[in-house]
PDB file of N, CA and C in Angstrom:
ATOM      1  N   UNK A   1     -48.510  78.941 -43.021  1.00  0.00           N
ATOM      2  CA  UNK A   1     -47.558  79.554 -43.916  1.00  0.00           C
ATOM      3  C   UNK A   1     -48.286  80.322 -45.011  1.00  0.00           C
ATOM      4  N   UNK A   2     -47.585  81.210 -45.670  1.00  0.00           N
ATOM      5  CA  UNK A   2     -48.187  81.984 -46.754  1.00  0.00           C
ATOM      6  C   UNK A   2     -48.601  81.115 -47.934  1.00  0.00           C
ATOM      7  N   UNK A   3     -47.887  80.034 -48.164  1.00  0.00           N
ATOM      8  CA  UNK A   3     -48.238  79.154 -49.283  1.00  0.00           C
ATOM      9  C   UNK A   3     -49.607  78.538 -49.055  1.00  0.00           C
ATOM     10  N   UNK A   4     -49.839  78.000 -47.878  1.00  0.00           N
ATOM     11  CA  UNK A   4     -51.135  77.405 -47.562  1.00  0.00           C
ATOM     12  C   UNK A   4     -52.240  78.453 -47.599  1.00  0.00           C
ATOM     13  N   UNK A   5     -51.961  79.641 -47.099  1.00  0.00           N
ATOM     14  CA  UNK A   5     -52.963  80.715 -47.123  1.00  0.00           C
ATOM     15  C   UNK A   5     -53.319  81.103 -48.550  1.00  0.00           C
ATOM     16  N   UNK A   6     -52.353  81.108 -49.439  1.00  0.00           N
ATOM     17  CA  UNK A   6     -52.623  81.396 -50.848  1.00  0.00           C
ATOM     18  C   UNK A   6     -53.417  80.290 -51.517  1.00  0.00           C
ATOM     19  N   UNK A   7     -53.152  79.059 -51.110  1.00  0.00           N
ATOM     20  CA  UNK A   7     -53.890  77.922 -51.671  1.00  0.00           C
ATOM     21  C   UNK A   7     -55.369  77.978 -51.315  1.00  0.00           C
ATOM     22  N   UNK A   8     -55.651  78.223 -50.027  1.00  0.00           N
ATOM     23  CA  UNK A   8     -57.035  78.154 -49.570  1.00  0.00           C
ATOM     24  C   UNK A   8     -57.692  79.510 -49.376  1.00  0.00           C
ATOM     25  N   UNK A   9     -56.929  80.588 -49.425  1.00  0.00           N
ATOM     26  CA  UNK A   9     -57.486  81.930 -49.337  1.00  0.00           C
ATOM     27  C   UNK A   9     -57.807  82.388 -47.933  1.00  0.00           C
ATOM     28  N   UNK A  10     -56.832  82.374 -47.051  1.00  0.00           N
ATOM     29  CA  UNK A  10     -57.023  82.889 -45.699  1.00  0.00           C
ATOM     30  C   UNK A  10     -55.976  83.956 -45.408  1.00  0.00           C
ATOM     31  N   UNK A  11     -56.131  84.612 -44.280  1.00  0.00           N
ATOM     32  CA  UNK A  11     -55.192  85.670 -43.924  1.00  0.00           C
ATOM     33  C   UNK A  11     -55.315  86.845 -44.872  1.00  0.00           C
ATOM     34  N   UNK A  12     -54.205  87.322 -45.382  1.00  0.00           N
ATOM     35  CA  UNK A  12     -54.234  88.481 -46.278  1.00  0.00           C
ATOM     36  C   UNK A  12     -54.639  88.120 -47.704  1.00  0.00           C
ATOM     37  N   UNK A  13     -54.838  86.834 -47.958  1.00  0.00           N
ATOM     38  CA  UNK A  13     -55.225  86.376 -49.290  1.00  0.00           C
ATOM     39  C   UNK A  13     -56.741  86.261 -49.392  1.00  0.00           C
ATOM     40  N   UNK A  14     -57.304  86.773 -50.451  1.00  0.00           N
ATOM     41  CA  UNK A  14     -58.742  86.760 -50.690  1.00  0.00           C
ATOM     42  C   UNK A  14     -59.207  85.350 -51.051  1.00  0.00           C
ATOM     43  N   UNK A  15     -60.205  84.840 -50.330  1.00  0.00           N
ATOM     44  CA  UNK A  15     -60.699  83.478 -50.571  1.00  0.00           C
ATOM     45  C   UNK A  15     -61.228  83.304 -51.988  1.00  0.00           C
ATOM     46  N   UNK A  16     -61.854  84.328 -52.545  1.00  0.00           N
ATOM     47  CA  UNK A  16     -62.414  84.236 -53.901  1.00  0.00           C
ATOM     48  C   UNK A  16     -61.321  84.072 -54.953  1.00  0.00           C
ATOM     49  N   UNK A  17     -60.111  84.514 -54.641  1.00  0.00           N
ATOM     50  CA  UNK A  17     -59.002  84.422 -55.588  1.00  0.00           C
ATOM     51  C   UNK A  17     -57.984  83.350 -55.210  1.00  0.00           C
ATOM     52  N   UNK A  18     -58.350  82.482 -54.281  1.00  0.00           N
ATOM     53  CA  UNK A  18     -57.416  81.430 -53.879  1.00  0.00           C
ATOM     54  C   UNK A  18     -57.162  80.482 -55.043  1.00  0.00           C
ATOM     55  N   UNK A  19     -56.026  79.842 -55.026  1.00  0.00           N
ATOM     56  CA  UNK A  19     -55.687  78.886 -56.080  1.00  0.00           C
ATOM     57  C   UNK A  19     -56.678  77.728 -56.104  1.00  0.00           C
ATOM     58  N   UNK A  20     -57.181  77.350 -54.938  1.00  0.00           N
ATOM     59  CA  UNK A  20     -58.167  76.276 -54.848  1.00  0.00           C
ATOM     60  C   UNK A  20     -59.491  76.703 -55.483  1.00  0.00           C
ATOM     61  N   UNK A  21     -59.969  77.887 -55.140  1.00  0.00           N
ATOM     62  CA  UNK A  21     -61.238  78.394 -55.677  1.00  0.00           C
ATOM     63  C   UNK A  21     -61.152  78.631 -57.184  1.00  0.00           C
ATOM     64  N   UNK A  22     -60.001  79.039 -57.672  1.00  0.00           N
ATOM     65  CA  UNK A  22     -59.813  79.292 -59.101  1.00  0.00           C
ATOM     66  C   UNK A  22     -59.617  78.004 -59.900  1.00  0.00           C
ATOM     67  N   UNK A  23     -59.477  76.881 -59.210  1.00  0.00           N
ATOM     68  CA  UNK A  23     -59.326  75.601 -59.894  1.00  0.00           C
ATOM     69  C   UNK A  23     -57.915  75.295 -60.353  1.00  0.00           C
ATOM     70  N   UNK A  24     -56.946  76.041 -59.851  1.00  0.00           N
ATOM     71  CA  UNK A  24     -55.549  75.815 -60.235  1.00  0.00           C
ATOM     72  C   UNK A  24     -54.972  74.615 -59.479  1.00  0.00           C
ATOM     73  N   UNK A  25     -55.430  74.413 -58.264  1.00  0.00           N
ATOM     74  CA  UNK A  25     -55.033  73.250 -57.467  1.00  0.00           C
ATOM     75  C   UNK A  25     -56.287  72.519 -57.005  1.00  0.00           C
ATOM     76  N   UNK A  26     -56.116  71.260 -56.630  1.00  0.00           N
ATOM     77  CA  UNK A  26     -57.219  70.489 -56.078  1.00  0.00           C
ATOM     78  C   UNK A  26     -56.813  69.918 -54.731  1.00  0.00           C
ATOM     79  N   UNK A  27     -57.800  69.767 -53.870  1.00  0.00           N
ATOM     80  CA  UNK A  27     -57.574  69.292 -52.508  1.00  0.00           C
ATOM     81  C   UNK A  27     -57.890  67.802 -52.440  1.00  0.00           C
ATOM     82  N   UNK A  28     -56.989  67.042 -51.827  1.00  0.00           N
ATOM     83  CA  UNK A  28     -57.161  65.604 -51.665  1.00  0.00           C
ATOM     84  C   UNK A  28     -57.062  65.301 -50.173  1.00  0.00           C
ATOM     85  N   UNK A  29     -58.075  64.663 -49.627  1.00  0.00           N
ATOM     86  CA  UNK A  29     -58.057  64.291 -48.214  1.00  0.00           C
ATOM     87  C   UNK A  29     -57.983  62.777 -48.105  1.00  0.00           C
ATOM     88  N   UNK A  30     -56.994  62.306 -47.372  1.00  0.00           N
ATOM     89  CA  UNK A  30     -56.811  60.869 -47.126  1.00  0.00           C
ATOM     90  C   UNK A  30     -56.603  60.667 -45.635  1.00  0.00           C
ATOM     91  N   UNK A  31     -57.624  60.152 -44.997  1.00  0.00           N
ATOM     92  CA  UNK A  31     -57.546  59.978 -43.550  1.00  0.00           C
ATOM     93  C   UNK A  31     -57.411  61.328 -42.870  1.00  0.00           C
ATOM     94  N   UNK A  32     -56.387  61.463 -42.044  1.00  0.00           N
ATOM     95  CA  UNK A  32     -56.140  62.717 -41.327  1.00  0.00           C
ATOM     96  C   UNK A  32     -55.261  63.679 -42.111  1.00  0.00           C
ATOM     97  N   UNK A  33     -54.834  63.298 -43.287  1.00  0.00           N
ATOM     98  CA  UNK A  33     -53.914  64.107 -44.090  1.00  0.00           C
ATOM     99  C   UNK A  33     -54.651  64.841 -45.205  1.00  0.00           C
ATOM    100  N   UNK A  34     -54.198  66.048 -45.502  1.00  0.00           N
ATOM    101  CA  UNK A  34     -54.729  66.832 -46.612  1.00  0.00           C
ATOM    102  C   UNK A  34     -53.581  67.171 -47.543  1.00  0.00           C
ATOM    103  N   UNK A  35     -53.787  66.907 -48.820  1.00  0.00           N
ATOM    104  CA  UNK A  35     -52.785  67.174 -49.844  1.00  0.00           C
ATOM    105  C   UNK A  35     -53.367  68.132 -50.874  1.00  0.00           C
ATOM    106  N   UNK A  36     -52.516  68.894 -51.494  1.00  0.00           N
ATOM    107  CA  UNK A  36     -52.917  69.775 -52.587  1.00  0.00           C
ATOM    108  C   UNK A  36     -52.040  69.445 -53.785  1.00  0.00           C
ATOM    109  N   UNK A  37     -52.677  69.348 -54.951  1.00  0.00           N
ATOM    110  CA  UNK A  37     -51.902  69.075 -56.158  1.00  0.00           C
ATOM    111  C   UNK A  37     -52.410  69.953 -57.291  1.00  0.00           C
ATOM    112  N   UNK A  38     -51.567  70.118 -58.268  1.00  0.00           N
ATOM    113  CA  UNK A  38     -51.907  70.908 -59.438  1.00  0.00           C
ATOM    114  C   UNK A  38     -53.033  70.214 -60.196  1.00  0.00           C
ATOM    115  N   UNK A  39     -54.071  70.953 -60.523  1.00  0.00           N
ATOM    116  CA  UNK A  39     -55.193  70.400 -61.284  1.00  0.00           C
ATOM    117  C   UNK A  39     -54.848  70.387 -62.768  1.00  0.00           C
ATOM    118  N   UNK A  40     -55.712  69.798 -63.568  1.00  0.00           N
ATOM    119  CA  UNK A  40     -55.503  69.812 -65.018  1.00  0.00           C
ATOM    120  C   UNK A  40     -55.484  71.252 -65.527  1.00  0.00           C
ATOM    121  N   UNK A  41     -56.374  72.085 -64.991  1.00  0.00           N
ATOM    122  CA  UNK A  41     -56.392  73.502 -65.374  1.00  0.00           C
ATOM    123  C   UNK A  41     -55.068  74.164 -65.002  1.00  0.00           C
ATOM    124  N   UNK A  42     -54.561  73.861 -63.816  1.00  0.00           N
ATOM    125  CA  UNK A  42     -53.282  74.403 -63.382  1.00  0.00           C
ATOM    126  C   UNK A  42     -52.142  73.978 -64.286  1.00  0.00           C
ATOM    127  N   UNK A  43     -52.171  72.716 -64.712  1.00  0.00           N
ATOM    128  CA  UNK A  43     -51.137  72.213 -65.619  1.00  0.00           C
ATOM    129  C   UNK A  43     -51.168  72.967 -66.943  1.00  0.00           C
ATOM    130  N   UNK A  44     -52.372  73.210 -67.458  1.00  0.00           N
ATOM    131  CA  UNK A  44     -52.498  73.958 -68.710  1.00  0.00           C
ATOM    132  C   UNK A  44     -51.979  75.386 -68.565  1.00  0.00           C
ATOM    133  N   UNK A  45     -52.243  76.007 -67.417  1.00  0.00           N
ATOM    134  CA  UNK A  45     -51.750  77.365 -67.172  1.00  0.00           C
ATOM    135  C   UNK A  45     -50.226  77.403 -67.146  1.00  0.00           C
ATOM    136  N   UNK A  46     -49.618  76.443 -66.464  1.00  0.00           N
ATOM    137  CA  UNK A  46     -48.159  76.387 -66.380  1.00  0.00           C
ATOM    138  C   UNK A  46     -47.556  76.133 -67.757  1.00  0.00           C
ATOM    139  N   UNK A  47     -48.133  75.192 -68.503  1.00  0.00           N
ATOM    140  CA  UNK A  47     -47.629  74.911 -69.848  1.00  0.00           C
ATOM    141  C   UNK A  47     -47.739  76.140 -70.746  1.00  0.00           C
ATOM    142  N   UNK A  48     -48.832  76.882 -70.611  1.00  0.00           N
ATOM    143  CA  UNK A  48     -49.011  78.099 -71.402  1.00  0.00           C
ATOM    144  C   UNK A  48     -47.973  79.158 -71.065  1.00  0.00           C
ATOM    145  N   UNK A  49     -47.617  79.269 -69.793  1.00  0.00           N
ATOM    146  CA  UNK A  49     -46.602  80.242 -69.388  1.00  0.00           C
ATOM    147  C   UNK A  49     -45.222  79.832 -69.886  1.00  0.00           C
ATOM    148  N   UNK A  50     -44.956  78.535 -69.927  1.00  0.00           N
ATOM    149  CA  UNK A  50     -43.657  78.056 -70.396  1.00  0.00           C
ATOM    150  C   UNK A  50     -43.487  78.307 -71.889  1.00  0.00           C
ATOM    151  N   UNK A  51     -44.577  78.252 -72.638  1.00  0.00           N
ATOM    152  CA  UNK A  51     -44.519  78.471 -74.083  1.00  0.00           C
ATOM    153  C   UNK A  51     -44.362  79.944 -74.435  1.00  0.00           C
ATOM    154  N   UNK A  52     -44.803  80.816 -73.543  1.00  0.00           N
ATOM    155  CA  UNK A  52     -44.770  82.258 -73.828  1.00  0.00           C
ATOM    156  C   UNK A  52     -43.379  82.830 -73.735  1.00  0.00           C
TER     157      UNK A  52
END
């Protein structure tokens, strides 16, 4: 999906500008499952946008 491609930077999305590479999200691997969650940096970015 486009969301996953934006997270990890594949397809039409540039890997250098992916949300994962920029530190906005973090990758968590548990067994065979992979999860992505908002990082502390991502939380600060969202809070900053809400205040603006």
